[in-house]
């Protein structure tokens, strides 16, 4: 198999895992926000909420660029120029994902 095709498959697999991680973290955010309606959050929980809300805010522009015609080609270039545009789970090079 060609190296390029193998690289693409590996990249798709990693991004699939990262997306799953981001979804799990978003579920945690929802549960923390629900908890905050009737109970005070700890400082660690508040930090998680802040990080997740920032990640969601970062996801919107990246998704918008991706949906533009040619966005799939433009997004990697944009990421090189502005690496902080992606949510935290997509910025990690080595991926430690618990598949439970």
C-alpha atoms as a PDB file:
ATOM      1  CA  UNK A   1       0.000   0.000   0.000  1.00  0.00           C
ATOM      2  CA  UNK A   2       1.207   3.454  -0.821  1.00  0.00           C
ATOM      3  CA  UNK A   3       2.713   5.504   2.009  1.00  0.00           C
ATOM      4  CA  UNK A   4       0.367   8.397   1.257  1.00  0.00           C
ATOM      5  CA  UNK A   5      -2.745   6.208   1.457  1.00  0.00           C
ATOM      6  CA  UNK A   6      -1.496   4.671   4.710  1.00  0.00           C
ATOM      7  CA  UNK A   7      -0.829   8.160   6.131  1.00  0.00           C
ATOM      8  CA  UNK A   8      -4.342   9.267   5.195  1.00  0.00           C
ATOM      9  CA  UNK A   9      -5.892   6.181   6.811  1.00  0.00           C
ATOM     10  CA  UNK A  10      -3.850   6.750   9.968  1.00  0.00           C
ATOM     11  CA  UNK A  11      -4.844  10.416  10.071  1.00  0.00           C
ATOM     12  CA  UNK A  12      -8.536   9.552   9.640  1.00  0.00           C
ATOM     13  CA  UNK A  13      -8.308   6.973  12.435  1.00  0.00           C
ATOM     14  CA  UNK A  14      -6.608   9.428  14.817  1.00  0.00           C
ATOM     15  CA  UNK A  15      -9.145  12.143  14.054  1.00  0.00           C
ATOM     16  CA  UNK A  16     -11.985   9.683  14.635  1.00  0.00           C
ATOM     17  CA  UNK A  17     -10.554   8.893  18.079  1.00  0.00           C
ATOM     18  CA  UNK A  18     -10.045  12.593  18.813  1.00  0.00           C
ATOM     19  CA  UNK A  19     -13.609  13.379  17.812  1.00  0.00           C
ATOM     20  CA  UNK A  20     -14.849  10.648  20.154  1.00  0.00           C
ATOM     21  CA  UNK A  21     -12.779  12.135  22.951  1.00  0.00           C
ATOM     22  CA  UNK A  22     -14.174  15.597  22.251  1.00  0.00           C
ATOM     23  CA  UNK A  23     -17.735  14.241  22.341  1.00  0.00           C
ATOM     24  CA  UNK A  24     -17.097  12.505  25.688  1.00  0.00           C
ATOM     25  CA  UNK A  25     -15.680  15.738  27.088  1.00  0.00           C
ATOM     26  CA  UNK A  26     -18.705  17.662  25.839  1.00  0.00           C
ATOM     27  CA  UNK A  27     -20.991  15.187  27.609  1.00  0.00           C
ATOM     28  CA  UNK A  28     -19.010  15.841  30.783  1.00  0.00           C
ATOM     29  CA  UNK A  29     -19.519  19.578  30.237  1.00  0.00           C
ATOM     30  CA  UNK A  30     -23.272  19.084  29.960  1.00  0.00           C
ATOM     31  CA  UNK A  31     -23.373  17.089  33.197  1.00  0.00           C
ATOM     32  CA  UNK A  32     -21.304  19.754  34.988  1.00  0.00           C
ATOM     33  CA  UNK A  33     -23.565  22.524  33.725  1.00  0.00           C
ATOM     34  CA  UNK A  34     -26.600  20.557  34.893  1.00  0.00           C
ATOM     35  CA  UNK A  35     -24.964  20.018  38.278  1.00  0.00           C
ATOM     36  CA  UNK A  36     -24.198  23.746  38.568  1.00  0.00           C
ATOM     37  CA  UNK A  37     -27.911  24.591  38.497  1.00  0.00           C
ATOM     38  CA  UNK A  38     -28.458  23.083  41.946  1.00  0.00           C
ATOM     39  CA  UNK A  39     -25.005  22.711  43.458  1.00  0.00           C
ATOM     40  CA  UNK A  40     -21.811  24.763  43.597  1.00  0.00           C
ATOM     41  CA  UNK A  41     -18.984  23.452  41.392  1.00  0.00           C
ATOM     42  CA  UNK A  42     -15.486  22.865  42.724  1.00  0.00           C
ATOM     43  CA  UNK A  43     -12.628  24.918  41.306  1.00  0.00           C
ATOM     44  CA  UNK A  44     -11.492  21.883  39.274  1.00  0.00           C
ATOM     45  CA  UNK A  45     -14.986  21.459  37.824  1.00  0.00           C
ATOM     46  CA  UNK A  46     -15.143  25.166  36.984  1.00  0.00           C
ATOM     47  CA  UNK A  47     -11.806  24.846  35.195  1.00  0.00           C
ATOM     48  CA  UNK A  48     -13.147  21.901  33.145  1.00  0.00           C
ATOM     49  CA  UNK A  49     -16.262  23.881  32.213  1.00  0.00           C
ATOM     50  CA  UNK A  50     -14.155  26.839  31.080  1.00  0.00           C
ATOM     51  CA  UNK A  51     -11.831  24.628  29.006  1.00  0.00           C
ATOM     52  CA  UNK A  52     -14.725  22.807  27.345  1.00  0.00           C
ATOM     53  CA  UNK A  53     -16.605  26.006  26.521  1.00  0.00           C
ATOM     54  CA  UNK A  54     -13.425  27.389  24.928  1.00  0.00           C
ATOM     55  CA  UNK A  55     -13.036  24.160  22.942  1.00  0.00           C
ATOM     56  CA  UNK A  56     -16.600  24.467  21.650  1.00  0.00           C
ATOM     57  CA  UNK A  57     -15.968  28.085  20.660  1.00  0.00           C
ATOM     58  CA  UNK A  58     -12.836  26.982  18.788  1.00  0.00           C
ATOM     59  CA  UNK A  59     -14.704  24.194  17.008  1.00  0.00           C
ATOM     60  CA  UNK A  60     -17.207  26.523  15.351  1.00  0.00           C
ATOM     61  CA  UNK A  61     -14.726  28.492  13.164  1.00  0.00           C
ATOM     62  CA  UNK A  62     -12.834  25.313  12.220  1.00  0.00           C
ATOM     63  CA  UNK A  63     -16.094  23.642  11.190  1.00  0.00           C
ATOM     64  CA  UNK A  64     -17.146  26.715   9.216  1.00  0.00           C
ATOM     65  CA  UNK A  65     -13.836  26.755   7.300  1.00  0.00           C
ATOM     66  CA  UNK A  66     -14.103  23.009   6.677  1.00  0.00           C
ATOM     67  CA  UNK A  67     -17.587  23.420   5.178  1.00  0.00           C
ATOM     68  CA  UNK A  68     -16.460  26.070   2.672  1.00  0.00           C
ATOM     69  CA  UNK A  69     -15.726  24.929  -0.878  1.00  0.00           C
ATOM     70  CA  UNK A  70     -12.116  23.764  -0.706  1.00  0.00           C
ATOM     71  CA  UNK A  71     -12.213  24.013   3.088  1.00  0.00           C
ATOM     72  CA  UNK A  72     -10.783  20.523   3.512  1.00  0.00           C
ATOM     73  CA  UNK A  73      -7.653  21.826   1.792  1.00  0.00           C
ATOM     74  CA  UNK A  74      -7.713  25.231   3.474  1.00  0.00           C
ATOM     75  CA  UNK A  75      -8.151  23.990   7.051  1.00  0.00           C
ATOM     76  CA  UNK A  76      -4.727  22.270   7.325  1.00  0.00           C
ATOM     77  CA  UNK A  77      -3.058  25.453   6.060  1.00  0.00           C
ATOM     78  CA  UNK A  78      -5.013  27.548   8.525  1.00  0.00           C
ATOM     79  CA  UNK A  79      -4.067  25.160  11.331  1.00  0.00           C
ATOM     80  CA  UNK A  80      -0.385  25.599  10.506  1.00  0.00           C
ATOM     81  CA  UNK A  81      -0.783  29.380  10.632  1.00  0.00           C
ATOM     82  CA  UNK A  82      -3.064  29.454  13.696  1.00  0.00           C
ATOM     83  CA  UNK A  83      -2.567  26.231  15.693  1.00  0.00           C
ATOM     84  CA  UNK A  84      -4.844  27.351  18.536  1.00  0.00           C
ATOM     85  CA  UNK A  85      -7.903  27.246  16.260  1.00  0.00           C
ATOM     86  CA  UNK A  86      -8.513  23.572  17.064  1.00  0.00           C
ATOM     87  CA  UNK A  87     -10.019  22.156  20.255  1.00  0.00           C
ATOM     88  CA  UNK A  88      -7.535  20.716  22.744  1.00  0.00           C
ATOM     89  CA  UNK A  89      -8.143  17.066  21.871  1.00  0.00           C
ATOM     90  CA  UNK A  90      -7.187  17.745  18.238  1.00  0.00           C
ATOM     91  CA  UNK A  91      -3.973  19.572  19.141  1.00  0.00           C
ATOM     92  CA  UNK A  92      -2.447  16.616  20.974  1.00  0.00           C
ATOM     93  CA  UNK A  93       0.156  14.817  18.903  1.00  0.00           C
ATOM     94  CA  UNK A  94       0.272  11.667  20.943  1.00  0.00           C
ATOM     95  CA  UNK A  95      -3.214  10.457  21.578  1.00  0.00           C
ATOM     96  CA  UNK A  96      -4.083   8.775  24.868  1.00  0.00           C
ATOM     97  CA  UNK A  97      -7.704   7.853  24.489  1.00  0.00           C
ATOM     98  CA  UNK A  98      -9.491   5.537  26.822  1.00  0.00           C
ATOM     99  CA  UNK A  99     -11.973   3.617  24.670  1.00  0.00           C
ATOM    100  CA  UNK A 100     -14.226   2.605  27.554  1.00  0.00           C
END
